[in-house]
Each structure stands twice: as C-alpha cells, then as structure tokens.
C-alpha atoms as a PDB file:
ATOM      1  CA  UNK A   1      97.049 159.480 -48.178  1.00  0.00           C
ATOM      2  CA  UNK A   2     100.762 160.255 -48.119  1.00  0.00           C
ATOM      3  CA  UNK A   3     102.107 162.693 -45.549  1.00  0.00           C
ATOM      4  CA  UNK A   4     105.546 164.214 -45.081  1.00  0.00           C
ATOM      5  CA  UNK A   5     106.665 166.892 -42.598  1.00  0.00           C
ATOM      6  CA  UNK A   6     109.172 169.512 -43.729  1.00  0.00           C
ATOM      7  CA  UNK A   7     110.021 172.322 -41.300  1.00  0.00           C
ATOM      8  CA  UNK A   8     106.647 173.679 -40.146  1.00  0.00           C
ATOM      9  CA  UNK A   9     104.692 172.421 -43.154  1.00  0.00           C
ATOM     10  CA  UNK A  10     103.202 169.040 -43.928  1.00  0.00           C
ATOM     11  CA  UNK A  11     102.910 167.799 -47.493  1.00  0.00           C
ATOM     12  CA  UNK A  12      99.663 165.870 -47.618  1.00  0.00           C
ATOM     13  CA  UNK A  13      98.554 164.322 -50.906  1.00  0.00           C
ATOM     14  CA  UNK A  14      97.394 167.253 -53.090  1.00  0.00           C
ATOM     15  CA  UNK A  15      98.254 170.055 -50.724  1.00  0.00           C
ATOM     16  CA  UNK A  16     100.532 171.704 -48.241  1.00  0.00           C
ATOM     17  CA  UNK A  17      99.287 172.050 -44.677  1.00  0.00           C
ATOM     18  CA  UNK A  18     100.684 174.854 -42.512  1.00  0.00           C
ATOM     19  CA  UNK A  19      99.081 175.098 -39.095  1.00  0.00           C
ATOM     20  CA  UNK A  20      95.363 174.900 -40.000  1.00  0.00           C
ATOM     21  CA  UNK A  21      95.696 176.267 -43.562  1.00  0.00           C
ATOM     22  CA  UNK A  22      95.541 173.978 -46.593  1.00  0.00           C
ATOM     23  CA  UNK A  23      97.311 175.322 -49.681  1.00  0.00           C
ATOM     24  CA  UNK A  24      96.396 173.752 -53.041  1.00  0.00           C
ATOM     25  CA  UNK A  25      97.350 174.633 -56.599  1.00  0.00           C
ATOM     26  CA  UNK A  26      97.351 173.419 -60.192  1.00  0.00           C
ATOM     27  CA  UNK A  27      94.303 171.149 -60.045  1.00  0.00           C
ATOM     28  CA  UNK A  28      93.374 172.026 -63.670  1.00  0.00           C
ATOM     29  CA  UNK A  29      89.778 170.867 -63.323  1.00  0.00           C
ATOM     30  CA  UNK A  30      88.301 170.361 -66.796  1.00  0.00           C
ATOM     31  CA  UNK A  31      91.530 169.253 -68.465  1.00  0.00           C
ATOM     32  CA  UNK A  32      90.025 166.022 -69.834  1.00  0.00           C
ATOM     33  CA  UNK A  33      87.166 167.921 -71.465  1.00  0.00           C
ATOM     34  CA  UNK A  34      89.609 170.328 -73.111  1.00  0.00           C
ATOM     35  CA  UNK A  35      91.591 167.389 -74.478  1.00  0.00           C
ATOM     36  CA  UNK A  36      88.371 165.731 -75.720  1.00  0.00           C
ATOM     37  CA  UNK A  37      87.466 168.898 -77.662  1.00  0.00           C
ATOM     38  CA  UNK A  38      90.891 168.747 -79.329  1.00  0.00           C
ATOM     39  CA  UNK A  39      90.228 165.163 -80.453  1.00  0.00           C
ATOM     40  CA  UNK A  40      92.305 163.475 -77.759  1.00  0.00           C
ATOM     41  CA  UNK A  41      90.018 160.925 -76.165  1.00  0.00           C
ATOM     42  CA  UNK A  42      90.900 160.390 -72.521  1.00  0.00           C
ATOM     43  CA  UNK A  43      88.468 159.109 -69.899  1.00  0.00           C
ATOM     44  CA  UNK A  44      86.925 161.715 -67.622  1.00  0.00           C
ATOM     45  CA  UNK A  45      87.657 160.546 -64.103  1.00  0.00           C
ATOM     46  CA  UNK A  46      90.030 163.172 -62.699  1.00  0.00           C
ATOM     47  CA  UNK A  47      87.347 165.581 -61.438  1.00  0.00           C
ATOM     48  CA  UNK A  48      85.723 162.926 -59.266  1.00  0.00           C
ATOM     49  CA  UNK A  49      89.120 161.678 -58.082  1.00  0.00           C
ATOM     50  CA  UNK A  50      90.279 165.201 -57.168  1.00  0.00           C
ATOM     51  CA  UNK A  51      87.109 165.811 -55.131  1.00  0.00           C
ATOM     52  CA  UNK A  52      87.549 162.499 -53.307  1.00  0.00           C
ATOM     53  CA  UNK A  53      91.165 163.302 -52.456  1.00  0.00           C
ATOM     54  CA  UNK A  54      90.354 166.853 -51.291  1.00  0.00           C
ATOM     55  CA  UNK A  55      87.483 165.575 -49.133  1.00  0.00           C
ATOM     56  CA  UNK A  56      89.809 163.034 -47.531  1.00  0.00           C
ATOM     57  CA  UNK A  57      92.332 165.765 -46.686  1.00  0.00           C
ATOM     58  CA  UNK A  58      89.658 168.130 -45.344  1.00  0.00           C
ATOM     59  CA  UNK A  59      88.057 165.394 -43.224  1.00  0.00           C
ATOM     60  CA  UNK A  60      91.428 164.235 -41.841  1.00  0.00           C
ATOM     61  CA  UNK A  61      92.598 167.594 -40.494  1.00  0.00           C
ATOM     62  CA  UNK A  62      91.121 170.521 -38.581  1.00  0.00           C
ATOM     63  CA  UNK A  63      91.412 172.938 -41.515  1.00  0.00           C
ATOM     64  CA  UNK A  64      90.413 176.538 -40.854  1.00  0.00           C
ATOM     65  CA  UNK A  65      91.057 178.002 -44.314  1.00  0.00           C
ATOM     66  CA  UNK A  66      92.000 176.931 -47.839  1.00  0.00           C
ATOM     67  CA  UNK A  67      94.337 178.945 -50.030  1.00  0.00           C
ATOM     68  CA  UNK A  68      94.108 178.330 -53.784  1.00  0.00           C
ATOM     69  CA  UNK A  69      97.456 179.146 -55.347  1.00  0.00           C
ATOM     70  CA  UNK A  70      96.432 179.285 -59.006  1.00  0.00           C
ATOM     71  CA  UNK A  71      95.087 177.063 -61.771  1.00  0.00           C
ATOM     72  CA  UNK A  72      92.151 175.453 -60.000  1.00  0.00           C
ATOM     73  CA  UNK A  73      90.303 175.263 -63.341  1.00  0.00           C
ATOM     74  CA  UNK A  74      91.999 174.371 -66.598  1.00  0.00           C
ATOM     75  CA  UNK A  75      90.434 177.095 -68.724  1.00  0.00           C
ATOM     76  CA  UNK A  76      88.152 180.050 -68.293  1.00  0.00           C
ATOM     77  CA  UNK A  77      85.903 181.770 -70.768  1.00  0.00           C
ATOM     78  CA  UNK A  78      83.284 179.046 -71.141  1.00  0.00           C
ATOM     79  CA  UNK A  79      81.246 176.966 -68.765  1.00  0.00           C
ATOM     80  CA  UNK A  80      82.221 173.313 -68.841  1.00  0.00           C
ATOM     81  CA  UNK A  81      80.683 170.260 -67.236  1.00  0.00           C
END
C-alpha cells in the first residue's frame, strides 16, 4: 500500500486519510458489468480488488468514519451483481 503525507492529510492507496477519517471517491463499482452489457468484454475482477484494497486500508489505520465523495457505484437504476 502506497502512502504519502501532504500537509495534514495522508494519501493512502484508494483514499485520503485526515485524522481518523477516510475519504474515498470514484470507485465506480459495476463498471465491468456495464461494459459487458455494451458488448465490451473485460474480465470482472475490479470489485474484488477494490474490496481487498479498502479492507487493507481499514485494517491498517484506526479509522473512525468513512466519507464517500461520489460515484461509489457506476450506475443506478438497476440492481447489478
């Protein structure tokens, strides 16, 4: 996991850590499935990889709250796997 400190915030892999708050954005979960529906065949491995990376961040720090700053899911309006 990569880490970089800038001012009072630490960039850590997928997120920004300020004090005990993890800020994440633009995960676009479900993107591969949307591409598959459009005929673009890409392997579906991002969801599992994103969860693994988030779990590593959460288990590495004493996080008190998580702020989702938009686009956690790729599309809304239908339930996807």
